[in-house]
Amino acid sequence: MSDHISGPRALAEPIADITDVYAFPSPERPGHIVLVVNTRPFAQPSDFFSDGLVYRFRLHPLTTRVPGHPVPFAVVAEEFAFDCVFSAPGGDAQGRYQQGTCTIPGGETVSFSVNDEQGGSAYGVRVFAGPRWDPFIMDAPAALKTIATGKLAFTDPGSIFLDGKNVMSLVVEVDHAERLHGVELVGVVAETLTRGKFNLRIERVGRPEVKNMMLAPKQFDPVNRDLEIRDLYNMEDAFHLGACYQQAYRARLNANLVFWDSLDGRTDWPADANGGHPLTDLLLADFLVVDLTKPYSEHGSFLEIELANRRGERCESCGGRTLNDDVMDTIFTLLVNAGNGPIIRDGVDRATRPASRAFPYLAPPNPDPPPRPEDL
């Protein structure tokens, strides 16, 4: 499920579990970028954020490389970080409440109250936090059945796994001319870290399903078949992978991407002389890529910039990832047939409650969400 429950540590500490990350130009306020991180799968409408975590967005400017390069972008050293922290939840006769503070590049702070639909605003930044309807859509059981059987198991229609579940959403809307110095192309990741003098990264997410669909399966990996690799991957800096486990990540991706490519009975992604899959390097550069010079585009922008650059073509969209984009069809089609055949659909095309084009964008929470499965 995108990045829901993406490893043993996320399973043990669901409050720190990042389920999804989105980044896109604001459809409501041109000149602003919207950053969204969702955490705590199966959240209740009454839940609050952890006062022991830092919820961080990290943005780096990118420069394009020559067309056809396996990693289309180079990461610029400059970083823009937005750190959000929360007080311990309080309560009185009027109900329970929680306050948040977002520290922005330059050191200024923006204060906000959890569940305030208007959010808090200052210094070209607006922040919302609270439980919302989980916008991610995929027929997860069918995807897992596909991995288990080696045959595409999607049906039409499919079903959203536990439709109506909630997540804890943090939305940061940024004036990119004022706060990002007018940078045109950025890479975006979100992280949860321990709060205090020593910040330990618990989770980090760029693109959806890299961990659960592409790194989690072990049975195809001839090198590290017994290794649960996702917690190691979560600890890495998305913009600067360390050398220690990089070959393990490569071996796992090379093997699993060959599996996905095999599902239509032909090879659309031939390996190089060393057995490397053509998408491995691109996927290891695991951040969303957003072109801030282009307007909001609700559908079809996910991965468009990366793939256009690989082909030596001009990108047409803002890239990134929007809340209503059916990204799983894009991912499955890319992995299975490289766009050389029909769209590989999971049978789920839209959320039951789609996101809006007005802040805070995500749909209000389900007051009666389905319970968390006992076997998770």
Protein backbone atom coordinates (compact mmCIF):
# COMPACT_ATOMS: atom_id res chain seq x y z
CA MET A 1 0.00 0.00 0.00
CA SER A 2 2.15 2.86 -1.28
CA ASP A 3 4.42 3.27 1.75
CA HIS A 4 1.99 2.04 4.41
CA ILE A 5 3.63 -0.44 6.81
CA SER A 6 6.90 -0.38 4.86
CA GLY A 7 9.06 -2.50 7.13
CA PRO A 8 9.27 -3.96 10.64
CA ARG A 9 9.96 -0.62 12.30
CA ALA A 10 6.94 1.03 10.65
CA LEU A 11 4.82 -1.90 11.77
CA ALA A 12 6.11 -1.52 15.33
CA GLU A 13 5.72 2.28 15.42
CA PRO A 14 2.73 3.20 13.21
CA ILE A 15 2.66 6.77 14.54
CA ALA A 16 5.95 7.37 12.65
CA ASP A 17 4.92 5.41 9.55
CA ILE A 18 4.78 7.60 6.44
CA THR A 19 2.04 6.34 4.15
CA ASP A 20 2.40 8.79 1.23
CA VAL A 21 4.12 11.96 0.04
CA TYR A 22 2.77 14.44 -2.52
CA ALA A 23 4.26 17.59 -4.05
CA PHE A 24 2.60 19.78 -6.68
CA PRO A 25 2.02 23.42 -7.68
CA SER A 26 -0.99 24.82 -5.88
CA PRO A 27 -4.15 24.79 -8.05
CA GLU A 28 -5.58 27.49 -5.79
CA ARG A 29 -2.59 29.84 -5.44
CA PRO A 30 -0.25 30.00 -8.45
CA GLY A 31 3.35 30.53 -7.42
CA HIS A 32 3.05 28.17 -4.45
CA ILE A 33 4.13 24.55 -4.06
CA VAL A 34 2.05 22.18 -1.92
CA LEU A 35 3.86 19.57 0.18
CA VAL A 36 1.84 16.76 1.79
CA VAL A 37 2.99 13.96 4.06
CA ASN A 38 0.51 11.41 5.41
CA THR A 39 1.37 9.27 8.41
CA ARG A 40 -0.19 6.77 10.82
CA PRO A 41 -2.16 4.29 8.69
CA PHE A 42 -5.61 3.47 10.06
CA ALA A 43 -5.74 6.70 12.10
CA GLN A 44 -8.86 7.49 14.11
CA PRO A 45 -10.66 10.85 13.72
CA SER A 46 -9.66 11.69 17.31
CA ASP A 47 -5.93 10.95 16.85
CA PHE A 48 -3.16 13.50 17.20
CA PHE A 49 0.44 13.79 16.04
CA SER A 50 3.42 12.57 18.07
CA ASP A 51 5.16 15.11 20.26
CA GLY A 52 8.27 12.92 20.06
CA LEU A 53 8.81 13.24 16.31
CA VAL A 54 10.04 15.76 13.78
CA TYR A 55 7.99 15.71 10.56
CA ARG A 56 10.37 17.03 7.91
CA PHE A 57 10.14 18.01 4.25
CA ARG A 58 13.48 18.28 2.45
CA LEU A 59 13.79 20.02 -0.92
CA HIS A 60 16.92 20.22 -3.08
CA PRO A 61 17.28 22.13 -6.34
CA LEU A 62 18.03 19.84 -9.30
CA THR A 63 19.90 20.30 -12.54
CA THR A 64 19.23 18.20 -15.61
CA ARG A 65 21.85 15.88 -17.03
CA VAL A 66 22.32 14.92 -20.67
CA PRO A 67 19.29 13.13 -22.12
CA GLY A 68 19.41 9.37 -21.70
CA HIS A 69 21.45 9.44 -18.49
CA PRO A 70 20.17 6.68 -16.11
CA VAL A 71 19.70 9.33 -13.40
CA PRO A 72 18.25 12.35 -15.23
CA PHE A 73 19.04 14.90 -12.48
CA ALA A 74 21.96 16.02 -10.37
CA VAL A 75 21.25 17.14 -6.81
CA VAL A 76 22.42 20.64 -5.86
CA ALA A 77 23.91 20.92 -2.36
CA GLU A 78 21.57 23.71 -1.23
CA GLU A 79 18.71 22.39 0.91
CA PHE A 80 15.37 23.84 1.99
CA ALA A 81 14.00 22.06 5.06
CA PHE A 82 10.60 22.51 6.71
CA ASP A 83 10.47 20.93 10.19
CA CYS A 84 7.14 20.50 11.95
CA VAL A 85 6.82 19.52 15.61
CA PHE A 86 3.86 19.21 17.93
CA SER A 87 3.02 19.78 21.58
CA ALA A 88 1.63 17.02 23.73
CA PRO A 89 -2.15 16.88 23.22
CA GLY A 90 -4.08 18.88 25.81
CA GLY A 91 -7.67 18.94 26.88
CA ASP A 92 -10.29 20.89 28.76
CA ALA A 93 -14.05 21.14 29.01
CA GLN A 94 -14.16 22.32 25.39
CA GLY A 95 -12.36 19.25 24.06
CA ARG A 96 -8.90 18.06 23.18
CA TYR A 97 -6.40 20.14 21.22
CA GLN A 98 -2.81 20.19 19.96
CA GLN A 99 -0.49 22.93 18.74
CA GLY A 100 2.16 22.70 16.05
CA THR A 101 5.16 24.72 14.97
CA CYS A 102 6.81 24.67 11.53
CA THR A 103 10.40 25.95 11.31
CA ILE A 104 11.11 27.13 7.77
CA PRO A 105 14.32 27.91 5.86
CA GLY A 106 15.82 31.00 7.46
CA GLY A 107 14.75 29.94 10.95
CA GLU A 108 11.36 31.68 11.16
CA THR A 109 8.47 29.71 12.69
CA VAL A 110 4.82 29.32 11.72
CA SER A 111 2.38 28.31 14.45
CA PHE A 112 -0.82 26.38 13.80
CA SER A 113 -3.51 24.38 15.58
CA VAL A 114 -4.28 20.78 14.68
CA ASN A 115 -7.67 20.45 12.93
CA ASP A 116 -7.83 24.15 12.02
CA GLU A 117 -9.11 24.07 8.43
CA GLN A 118 -7.61 27.52 7.74
CA GLY A 119 -4.21 26.48 9.05
CA GLY A 120 -1.52 28.83 10.26
CA SER A 121 0.12 31.37 7.95
CA ALA A 122 3.27 33.51 8.06
CA TYR A 123 6.36 34.31 5.97
CA GLY A 124 4.90 32.98 2.72
CA VAL A 125 4.03 29.60 4.29
CA ARG A 126 0.67 28.07 5.28
CA VAL A 127 0.37 24.86 7.35
CA PHE A 128 -2.48 22.45 8.08
CA ALA A 129 -2.40 19.32 10.23
CA GLY A 130 -5.10 16.84 11.14
CA PRO A 131 -6.74 13.49 10.31
CA ARG A 132 -7.99 13.14 6.73
CA TRP A 133 -9.45 10.51 4.41
CA ASP A 134 -6.55 8.46 2.99
CA PRO A 135 -6.29 9.53 -0.70
CA PHE A 136 -4.15 6.59 -1.83
CA ILE A 137 -5.87 4.20 -4.24
CA MET A 138 -4.75 0.70 -5.20
CA ASP A 139 -6.08 -2.83 -5.20
CA ALA A 140 -3.36 -3.96 -2.80
CA PRO A 141 -4.51 -7.60 -2.38
CA ALA A 142 -4.46 -8.05 -6.16
CA ALA A 143 -0.94 -6.59 -6.35
CA LEU A 144 0.27 -8.97 -3.63
CA LYS A 145 -1.43 -11.89 -5.40
CA THR A 146 0.41 -10.89 -8.58
CA ILE A 147 3.74 -11.12 -6.75
CA ALA A 148 2.82 -14.45 -5.14
CA THR A 149 1.56 -16.17 -8.30
CA GLY A 150 3.67 -14.54 -11.00
CA LYS A 151 0.52 -13.66 -12.94
CA LEU A 152 -1.31 -10.34 -13.23
CA ALA A 153 -4.24 -10.63 -10.82
CA PHE A 154 -5.97 -7.29 -11.36
CA THR A 155 -9.68 -7.23 -12.12
CA ASP A 156 -12.01 -4.57 -13.46
CA PRO A 157 -13.32 -3.21 -11.25
CA GLY A 158 -10.83 -3.58 -8.44
CA SER A 159 -11.28 -2.42 -4.87
CA ILE A 160 -9.44 0.06 -2.67
CA PHE A 161 -7.87 -1.78 0.25
CA LEU A 162 -9.97 -0.92 3.34
CA ASP A 163 -11.60 2.02 1.61
CA GLY A 164 -12.37 4.85 4.01
CA LYS A 165 -9.34 4.50 6.26
CA ASN A 166 -7.83 7.70 7.64
CA VAL A 167 -4.32 9.06 7.93
CA MET A 168 -2.72 11.95 9.80
CA SER A 169 -2.04 14.63 7.17
CA LEU A 170 0.45 17.49 7.28
CA VAL A 171 0.15 20.08 4.49
CA VAL A 172 2.72 22.83 3.95
CA GLU A 173 2.05 25.36 1.18
CA VAL A 174 5.06 27.48 0.22
CA ASP A 175 5.54 30.65 -1.85
CA HIS A 176 8.43 29.34 -3.90
CA ALA A 177 9.66 32.76 -5.06
CA GLU A 178 9.86 34.00 -1.46
CA ARG A 179 10.95 30.87 0.40
CA LEU A 180 12.74 28.79 -2.28
CA HIS A 181 14.56 31.68 -3.95
CA GLY A 182 12.75 31.09 -7.23
CA VAL A 183 14.27 27.65 -7.83
CA GLU A 184 12.69 26.08 -10.90
CA LEU A 185 13.26 22.32 -10.48
CA VAL A 186 13.24 20.62 -7.07
CA GLY A 187 13.47 17.15 -5.58
CA VAL A 188 11.17 16.48 -2.61
CA VAL A 189 11.21 13.88 0.18
CA ALA A 190 9.49 13.67 3.55
CA GLU A 191 10.90 12.12 6.71
CA THR A 192 9.96 11.28 10.27
CA LEU A 193 12.76 11.59 12.81
CA THR A 194 13.15 11.29 16.55
CA ARG A 195 12.91 14.66 18.28
CA GLY A 196 15.70 15.90 20.53
CA LYS A 197 19.42 16.58 20.39
CA PHE A 198 19.98 13.48 18.26
CA ASN A 199 17.62 13.06 15.31
CA LEU A 200 17.36 9.48 14.09
CA ARG A 201 15.61 9.05 10.75
CA ILE A 202 12.79 6.53 11.11
CA GLU A 203 11.17 6.74 7.69
CA ARG A 204 11.74 8.62 4.48
CA VAL A 205 9.59 8.59 1.36
CA GLY A 206 9.90 10.01 -2.12
CA ARG A 207 8.06 7.93 -4.72
CA PRO A 208 5.23 5.51 -3.92
CA GLU A 209 5.71 1.74 -3.81
CA VAL A 210 9.51 1.71 -4.09
CA LYS A 211 9.72 -0.10 -0.77
CA ASN A 212 6.62 -2.29 -0.73
CA MET A 213 6.34 -3.37 -4.38
CA MET A 214 9.96 -3.09 -5.56
CA LEU A 215 12.18 -3.74 -2.53
CA ALA A 216 10.05 -5.91 -0.22
CA PRO A 217 9.76 -9.16 -2.26
CA LYS A 218 12.72 -11.40 -1.39
CA GLN A 219 12.10 -14.53 -3.42
CA PHE A 220 13.55 -13.23 -6.71
CA ASP A 221 16.79 -11.89 -5.22
CA PRO A 222 19.65 -14.41 -5.68
CA VAL A 223 22.06 -12.40 -3.50
CA ASN A 224 20.15 -11.27 -0.38
CA ARG A 225 17.15 -13.56 -0.25
CA ASP A 226 16.93 -13.57 3.57
CA LEU A 227 17.42 -9.82 4.06
CA GLU A 228 14.54 -7.53 5.09
CA ILE A 229 15.98 -4.48 3.38
CA ARG A 230 13.37 -1.77 3.92
CA ASP A 231 14.45 -0.56 7.37
CA LEU A 232 18.00 -0.12 6.08
CA TYR A 233 16.67 1.78 3.09
CA ASN A 234 14.54 4.02 5.34
CA MET A 235 17.61 5.15 7.26
CA GLU A 236 19.38 6.37 4.11
CA ASP A 237 19.60 9.97 2.94
CA ALA A 238 17.41 9.96 -0.17
CA PHE A 239 19.62 12.55 -1.88
CA HIS A 240 22.95 10.87 -1.02
CA LEU A 241 22.80 7.10 -0.68
CA GLY A 242 25.61 5.63 1.39
CA ALA A 243 27.97 3.05 -0.08
CA CYS A 244 27.51 0.33 2.57
CA TYR A 245 24.23 -1.20 1.37
CA GLN A 246 23.93 0.27 -2.10
CA GLN A 247 24.84 -2.98 -3.85
CA ALA A 248 22.21 -4.81 -1.79
CA TYR A 249 19.57 -2.32 -2.92
CA ARG A 250 20.74 -2.72 -6.51
CA ALA A 251 20.60 -6.51 -6.39
CA ARG A 252 17.09 -6.46 -4.94
CA LEU A 253 15.80 -3.92 -7.48
CA ASN A 254 17.49 -5.63 -10.43
CA ALA A 255 15.84 -8.93 -9.52
CA ASN A 256 12.38 -7.58 -8.69
CA LEU A 257 12.20 -5.30 -11.71
CA VAL A 258 12.96 -8.30 -13.95
CA PHE A 259 10.01 -10.06 -12.30
CA TRP A 260 7.64 -7.16 -13.02
CA ASP A 261 8.88 -6.95 -16.62
CA SER A 262 8.19 -10.66 -17.12
CA LEU A 263 4.48 -10.48 -16.39
CA ASP A 264 3.43 -9.79 -19.98
CA GLY A 265 5.65 -12.57 -21.36
CA ARG A 266 8.23 -10.34 -23.00
CA THR A 267 11.26 -8.27 -22.07
CA ASP A 268 10.76 -4.55 -22.44
CA TRP A 269 13.67 -3.60 -20.15
CA PRO A 270 16.76 -5.60 -21.25
CA ALA A 271 19.50 -5.67 -18.63
CA ASP A 272 22.97 -4.27 -19.25
CA ALA A 273 26.12 -6.38 -19.47
CA ASN A 274 26.37 -6.50 -15.67
CA GLY A 275 22.75 -7.51 -15.10
CA GLY A 276 21.62 -4.01 -14.18
CA HIS A 277 18.02 -3.10 -14.89
CA PRO A 278 17.61 0.19 -16.81
CA LEU A 279 15.34 1.65 -14.10
CA THR A 280 17.42 0.78 -11.04
CA ASP A 281 19.48 3.98 -10.91
CA LEU A 282 16.43 6.14 -11.53
CA LEU A 283 14.48 4.46 -8.72
CA LEU A 284 17.37 4.77 -6.28
CA ALA A 285 17.24 8.55 -6.85
CA ASP A 286 14.09 8.27 -4.76
CA PHE A 287 12.52 11.72 -4.63
CA LEU A 288 9.63 13.46 -6.35
CA VAL A 289 10.68 15.86 -9.11
CA VAL A 290 8.63 19.05 -9.46
CA ASP A 291 8.94 21.74 -12.12
CA LEU A 292 7.81 24.95 -10.41
CA THR A 293 7.63 26.88 -13.68
CA LYS A 294 4.65 24.82 -14.85
CA PRO A 295 1.05 25.01 -13.66
CA TYR A 296 -0.85 22.41 -11.68
CA SER A 297 -1.73 19.31 -13.66
CA GLU A 298 -4.02 16.86 -11.88
CA HIS A 299 -3.43 13.72 -13.93
CA GLY A 300 -0.47 12.23 -15.77
CA SER A 301 2.29 14.33 -14.23
CA PHE A 302 3.83 11.63 -12.02
CA LEU A 303 7.21 10.46 -13.46
CA GLU A 304 6.60 12.49 -16.63
CA ILE A 305 9.69 14.69 -16.12
CA GLU A 306 12.01 11.76 -15.38
CA LEU A 307 10.86 9.66 -18.31
CA ALA A 308 10.80 12.54 -20.79
CA ASN A 309 14.40 13.34 -19.90
CA ARG A 310 15.41 9.70 -20.37
CA ARG A 311 13.93 9.83 -23.86
CA GLY A 312 15.58 13.15 -24.64
CA GLU A 313 12.19 14.86 -24.91
CA ARG A 314 10.86 18.04 -23.38
CA CYS A 315 8.65 17.52 -20.34
CA GLU A 316 5.12 18.87 -20.59
CA SER A 317 3.85 18.77 -17.00
CA CYS A 318 4.74 19.97 -13.51
CA GLY A 319 5.80 16.46 -12.49
CA GLY A 320 5.65 15.64 -8.80
CA ARG A 321 2.60 13.80 -7.53
CA THR A 322 -0.92 15.14 -7.09
CA LEU A 323 -3.55 13.79 -4.72
CA ASN A 324 -5.99 12.53 -7.36
CA ASP A 325 -3.52 11.11 -9.87
CA ASP A 326 -3.87 7.34 -10.40
CA VAL A 327 -0.13 6.77 -10.06
CA MET A 328 -0.35 3.00 -9.65
CA ASP A 329 -1.50 2.51 -13.23
CA THR A 330 1.50 4.61 -14.29
CA ILE A 331 3.86 2.51 -12.17
CA PHE A 332 2.51 -0.88 -13.21
CA THR A 333 2.53 0.09 -16.89
CA LEU A 334 6.10 1.37 -16.64
CA LEU A 335 7.38 -1.76 -14.90
CA VAL A 336 5.48 -4.36 -16.93
CA ASN A 337 5.67 -3.08 -20.51
CA ALA A 338 7.59 0.23 -20.46
CA GLY A 339 4.61 1.90 -22.11
CA ASN A 340 4.97 -0.36 -25.17
CA GLY A 341 1.63 -2.05 -24.62
CA PRO A 342 -1.76 -1.45 -23.05
CA ILE A 343 -2.10 0.40 -19.75
CA ILE A 344 -1.77 -2.04 -16.86
CA ARG A 345 -4.73 -1.11 -14.64
CA ASP A 346 -5.39 -2.31 -11.13
CA GLY A 347 -9.10 -1.62 -11.63
CA VAL A 348 -9.17 1.33 -9.21
CA ASP A 349 -9.28 4.74 -10.91
CA ARG A 350 -10.35 7.26 -8.27
CA ALA A 351 -10.85 7.72 -4.57
CA THR A 352 -14.32 7.44 -3.09
CA ARG A 353 -13.78 10.96 -1.74
CA PRO A 354 -11.37 12.76 -4.09
CA ALA A 355 -9.18 15.62 -2.95
CA SER A 356 -10.26 19.18 -3.72
CA ARG A 357 -8.43 22.10 -5.33
CA ALA A 358 -8.67 24.26 -2.20
CA PHE A 359 -6.51 24.25 0.93
CA PRO A 360 -6.03 21.90 2.78
CA TYR A 361 -6.87 19.82 -0.30
CA LEU A 362 -7.44 16.41 1.32
CA ALA A 363 -10.98 15.22 2.06
CA PRO A 364 -12.22 15.36 5.68
CA PRO A 365 -11.69 12.21 7.74
CA ASN A 366 -14.07 9.30 7.81
CA PRO A 367 -15.89 9.49 11.17
CA ASP A 368 -16.29 5.70 11.17
CA PRO A 369 -13.19 4.23 9.48
CA PRO A 370 -12.67 0.48 9.00
CA PRO A 371 -10.62 -1.16 11.77
CA ARG A 372 -6.97 -1.99 11.34
CA PRO A 373 -6.62 -5.66 10.31
CA GLU A 374 -5.51 -7.86 13.20
CA ASP A 375 -2.74 -9.49 11.15
CA LEU A 376 -0.93 -6.18 10.52
